[in-house]
N, C-alpha and C. Protein backbone atom coordinates (compact mmCIF):
# COMPACT_ATOMS: atom_id res chain seq x y z
N MET A 1 127.49 124.19 75.77
CA MET A 1 126.56 123.81 74.73
C MET A 1 127.34 123.62 73.43
N ASP A 2 126.97 122.63 72.69
CA ASP A 2 127.55 122.43 71.36
C ASP A 2 126.86 123.35 70.38
N ILE A 3 127.65 124.18 69.73
CA ILE A 3 127.10 125.14 68.77
C ILE A 3 127.21 124.56 67.37
N HIS A 4 126.07 124.51 66.70
CA HIS A 4 126.01 124.06 65.31
C HIS A 4 125.36 125.17 64.48
N LEU A 5 125.58 125.15 63.22
CA LEU A 5 125.00 126.14 62.32
C LEU A 5 123.51 126.30 62.60
N GLY A 6 123.08 127.54 62.85
CA GLY A 6 121.67 127.81 63.12
C GLY A 6 121.45 128.39 64.50
N PRO A 7 120.22 128.33 65.01
CA PRO A 7 119.89 128.96 66.29
C PRO A 7 120.61 128.31 67.48
N ALA A 8 121.08 129.15 68.39
CA ALA A 8 121.68 128.69 69.65
C ALA A 8 121.00 129.45 70.78
N ILE A 9 120.53 128.73 71.79
CA ILE A 9 119.81 129.35 72.90
C ILE A 9 120.40 128.84 74.22
N TYR A 10 120.77 129.79 75.08
CA TYR A 10 121.24 129.48 76.42
C TYR A 10 120.18 129.98 77.40
N LYS A 11 119.74 129.12 78.32
CA LYS A 11 118.77 129.51 79.35
C LYS A 11 119.50 129.55 80.69
N PHE A 12 119.22 130.60 81.47
CA PHE A 12 119.85 130.78 82.77
C PHE A 12 118.80 130.68 83.87
N THR A 13 119.09 129.89 84.90
CA THR A 13 118.17 129.74 86.02
C THR A 13 118.74 130.30 87.31
N THR A 14 120.02 130.64 87.33
CA THR A 14 120.65 131.11 88.56
C THR A 14 120.83 132.62 88.60
N GLN A 15 120.50 133.32 87.54
CA GLN A 15 120.61 134.78 87.50
C GLN A 15 119.23 135.38 87.73
N ASP A 16 119.20 136.50 88.45
CA ASP A 16 117.90 137.14 88.68
C ASP A 16 117.61 138.24 87.68
N ILE A 17 118.47 138.42 86.69
CA ILE A 17 118.26 139.50 85.73
C ILE A 17 118.09 138.99 84.29
N ILE A 18 118.78 137.93 83.92
CA ILE A 18 118.75 137.40 82.55
C ILE A 18 118.12 136.01 82.56
N LYS A 19 117.14 135.80 81.70
CA LYS A 19 116.50 134.49 81.57
C LYS A 19 117.10 133.69 80.42
N GLU A 20 117.47 134.40 79.33
CA GLU A 20 117.89 133.68 78.12
C GLU A 20 118.69 134.60 77.22
N ILE A 21 119.65 134.00 76.52
CA ILE A 21 120.34 134.69 75.43
C ILE A 21 120.33 133.75 74.23
N GLY A 22 120.42 134.31 73.05
CA GLY A 22 120.43 133.47 71.87
C GLY A 22 121.01 134.20 70.68
N PHE A 23 121.31 133.45 69.65
CA PHE A 23 121.86 134.01 68.42
C PHE A 23 121.80 132.95 67.34
N ASP A 24 122.03 133.37 66.12
CA ASP A 24 122.15 132.44 64.99
C ASP A 24 123.63 132.21 64.74
N ALA A 25 124.08 130.98 64.93
CA ALA A 25 125.47 130.63 64.66
C ALA A 25 125.69 130.52 63.16
N LYS A 26 126.73 131.17 62.68
CA LYS A 26 127.04 131.14 61.25
C LYS A 26 127.98 129.99 60.89
N ALA A 27 128.43 129.25 61.92
CA ALA A 27 129.30 128.10 61.70
C ALA A 27 129.21 127.18 62.91
N SER A 28 129.50 125.92 62.73
CA SER A 28 129.59 124.98 63.85
C SER A 28 130.88 125.25 64.60
N GLU A 29 130.78 125.31 65.93
CA GLU A 29 131.93 125.66 66.75
C GLU A 29 132.28 124.62 67.80
N GLY A 30 131.42 123.65 68.03
CA GLY A 30 131.67 122.70 69.11
C GLY A 30 131.22 123.29 70.44
N LEU A 31 131.88 122.92 71.53
CA LEU A 31 131.50 123.34 72.87
C LEU A 31 131.85 124.81 73.09
N VAL A 32 130.82 125.62 73.38
CA VAL A 32 130.99 127.05 73.64
C VAL A 32 130.22 127.39 74.91
N THR A 33 130.89 128.00 75.88
CA THR A 33 130.24 128.36 77.13
C THR A 33 129.69 129.78 77.06
N ALA A 34 128.74 130.06 77.92
CA ALA A 34 128.17 131.41 78.03
C ALA A 34 127.97 131.72 79.51
N LYS A 35 128.20 132.98 79.88
CA LYS A 35 127.96 133.38 81.27
C LYS A 35 127.53 134.84 81.33
N ILE A 36 126.89 135.18 82.45
CA ILE A 36 126.47 136.54 82.73
C ILE A 36 127.34 137.04 83.87
N GLU A 37 127.90 138.23 83.70
CA GLU A 37 128.71 138.85 84.75
C GLU A 37 128.01 140.13 85.19
N LEU A 38 127.62 140.20 86.45
CA LEU A 38 127.03 141.43 86.98
C LEU A 38 128.15 142.43 87.21
N SER A 39 127.84 143.71 87.01
CA SER A 39 128.87 144.75 87.07
C SER A 39 128.34 145.96 87.82
N GLN A 40 129.23 146.80 88.27
CA GLN A 40 128.86 148.03 88.97
C GLN A 40 128.68 149.20 88.00
N ARG A 41 129.17 149.06 86.76
CA ARG A 41 129.09 150.16 85.79
C ARG A 41 129.06 149.60 84.38
N THR A 42 128.86 150.48 83.43
CA THR A 42 128.83 150.10 82.02
C THR A 42 130.19 149.53 81.61
N SER A 43 130.17 148.48 80.83
CA SER A 43 131.40 147.87 80.32
C SER A 43 132.14 148.85 79.42
N LYS A 44 133.45 148.82 79.47
CA LYS A 44 134.26 149.66 78.59
C LYS A 44 134.07 149.27 77.13
N LYS A 45 133.64 148.04 76.88
CA LYS A 45 133.43 147.56 75.51
C LYS A 45 132.08 147.99 74.93
N SER A 46 131.18 148.44 75.80
CA SER A 46 129.84 148.82 75.36
C SER A 46 129.89 150.06 74.49
N GLN A 47 129.16 150.03 73.40
CA GLN A 47 129.09 151.18 72.51
C GLN A 47 127.81 151.98 72.73
N LEU A 48 126.92 151.46 73.56
CA LEU A 48 125.65 152.14 73.84
C LEU A 48 125.75 152.93 75.13
N ARG A 49 125.19 154.10 75.13
CA ARG A 49 125.13 154.91 76.34
C ARG A 49 123.67 155.26 76.57
N ARG A 50 123.11 154.79 77.66
CA ARG A 50 121.71 155.02 77.98
C ARG A 50 121.59 156.05 79.09
N THR A 51 120.49 156.77 79.09
CA THR A 51 120.19 157.69 80.17
C THR A 51 118.95 157.18 80.89
N GLY A 52 118.73 157.61 82.10
CA GLY A 52 117.57 157.19 82.85
C GLY A 52 117.95 156.24 83.96
N ILE A 53 116.97 155.55 84.49
CA ILE A 53 117.17 154.64 85.60
C ILE A 53 117.79 153.34 85.11
N VAL A 54 118.85 152.90 85.76
CA VAL A 54 119.51 151.64 85.44
C VAL A 54 119.32 150.70 86.62
N TYR A 55 118.71 149.55 86.39
CA TYR A 55 118.51 148.56 87.45
C TYR A 55 119.80 147.82 87.75
N ARG A 56 120.45 147.29 86.73
CA ARG A 56 121.72 146.58 86.88
C ARG A 56 122.50 146.66 85.59
N TYR A 57 123.80 146.68 85.74
CA TYR A 57 124.70 146.54 84.59
C TYR A 57 125.14 145.08 84.54
N PHE A 58 125.34 144.56 83.34
CA PHE A 58 125.83 143.19 83.21
C PHE A 58 126.54 143.03 81.88
N ASN A 59 127.38 142.03 81.82
CA ASN A 59 128.06 141.64 80.59
C ASN A 59 127.61 140.23 80.23
N VAL A 60 127.44 139.99 78.96
CA VAL A 60 127.16 138.65 78.45
C VAL A 60 128.44 138.18 77.77
N VAL A 61 128.98 137.07 78.25
CA VAL A 61 130.23 136.53 77.70
C VAL A 61 129.93 135.19 77.06
N VAL A 62 130.18 135.08 75.76
CA VAL A 62 129.95 133.83 75.04
C VAL A 62 131.26 133.39 74.41
N GLY A 63 131.73 132.21 74.79
CA GLY A 63 132.94 131.66 74.19
C GLY A 63 134.20 132.41 74.58
N LYS A 64 135.25 132.09 73.89
CA LYS A 64 136.55 132.73 74.11
C LYS A 64 136.59 134.08 73.43
N SER A 65 137.60 134.86 73.75
CA SER A 65 137.77 136.19 73.19
C SER A 65 137.67 136.15 71.66
N GLY A 66 136.87 137.05 71.11
CA GLY A 66 136.71 137.13 69.67
C GLY A 66 135.55 136.32 69.11
N TYR A 67 134.92 135.47 69.94
CA TYR A 67 133.83 134.64 69.41
C TYR A 67 132.63 135.49 68.98
N GLY A 68 132.38 136.59 69.65
CA GLY A 68 131.20 137.39 69.38
C GLY A 68 131.28 138.25 68.13
N SER A 69 132.25 138.04 67.29
CA SER A 69 132.36 138.86 66.07
C SER A 69 131.20 138.55 65.12
N SER A 70 130.88 139.52 64.29
CA SER A 70 129.75 139.34 63.38
C SER A 70 129.98 138.24 62.34
N SER A 71 131.22 137.79 62.16
CA SER A 71 131.47 136.71 61.22
C SER A 71 131.08 135.36 61.81
N LYS A 72 130.91 135.27 63.13
CA LYS A 72 130.58 134.01 63.78
C LYS A 72 129.12 133.90 64.18
N LEU A 73 128.47 135.04 64.46
CA LEU A 73 127.08 134.97 64.90
C LEU A 73 126.31 136.21 64.45
N GLY A 74 125.00 136.07 64.44
CA GLY A 74 124.11 137.16 64.06
C GLY A 74 122.81 137.09 64.83
N ASN A 75 122.01 138.12 64.73
CA ASN A 75 120.68 138.17 65.35
C ASN A 75 120.71 137.84 66.84
N ALA A 76 121.70 138.37 67.55
CA ALA A 76 121.81 138.11 68.99
C ALA A 76 120.70 138.82 69.75
N TYR A 77 120.24 138.18 70.85
CA TYR A 77 119.22 138.79 71.69
C TYR A 77 119.42 138.40 73.14
N VAL A 78 118.81 139.17 74.04
CA VAL A 78 118.83 138.91 75.48
C VAL A 78 117.41 139.03 75.98
N VAL A 79 116.96 138.06 76.78
CA VAL A 79 115.65 138.12 77.42
C VAL A 79 115.89 138.36 78.90
N SER A 80 115.39 139.50 79.40
CA SER A 80 115.61 139.84 80.80
C SER A 80 114.35 139.58 81.61
N MET A 81 114.53 139.56 82.91
CA MET A 81 113.40 139.40 83.83
C MET A 81 112.59 140.69 83.81
N SER A 82 111.31 140.58 84.05
CA SER A 82 110.45 141.76 84.16
C SER A 82 110.74 142.45 85.46
N LEU A 83 110.69 143.76 85.46
CA LEU A 83 110.94 144.54 86.66
C LEU A 83 109.78 145.51 86.86
N MET A 84 109.13 145.40 87.98
CA MET A 84 108.03 146.30 88.31
C MET A 84 108.55 147.33 89.30
N ILE A 85 108.41 148.60 88.96
CA ILE A 85 108.83 149.68 89.84
C ILE A 85 107.58 150.46 90.25
N GLY A 86 107.52 150.77 91.52
CA GLY A 86 106.40 151.62 91.92
C GLY A 86 105.74 151.20 93.14
């Protein structure tokens, strides 16, 4: 996707856990790829530690290394699939 100043939205149709990711680009960057990587455990880069039931671990990778810094993007979000347990 070509990233230009303002909202950027990636929609995923091949993943069963993530429907969409988005953020506000603080600068135009040109072609930037995004992917979801399923994982067996929490990423070493994650600063959050959750307790309770975990359905799946995953990483969201946008662009090349360093692209996700706060100087390049803001207001990032992830839309996940609904999960019914019971």
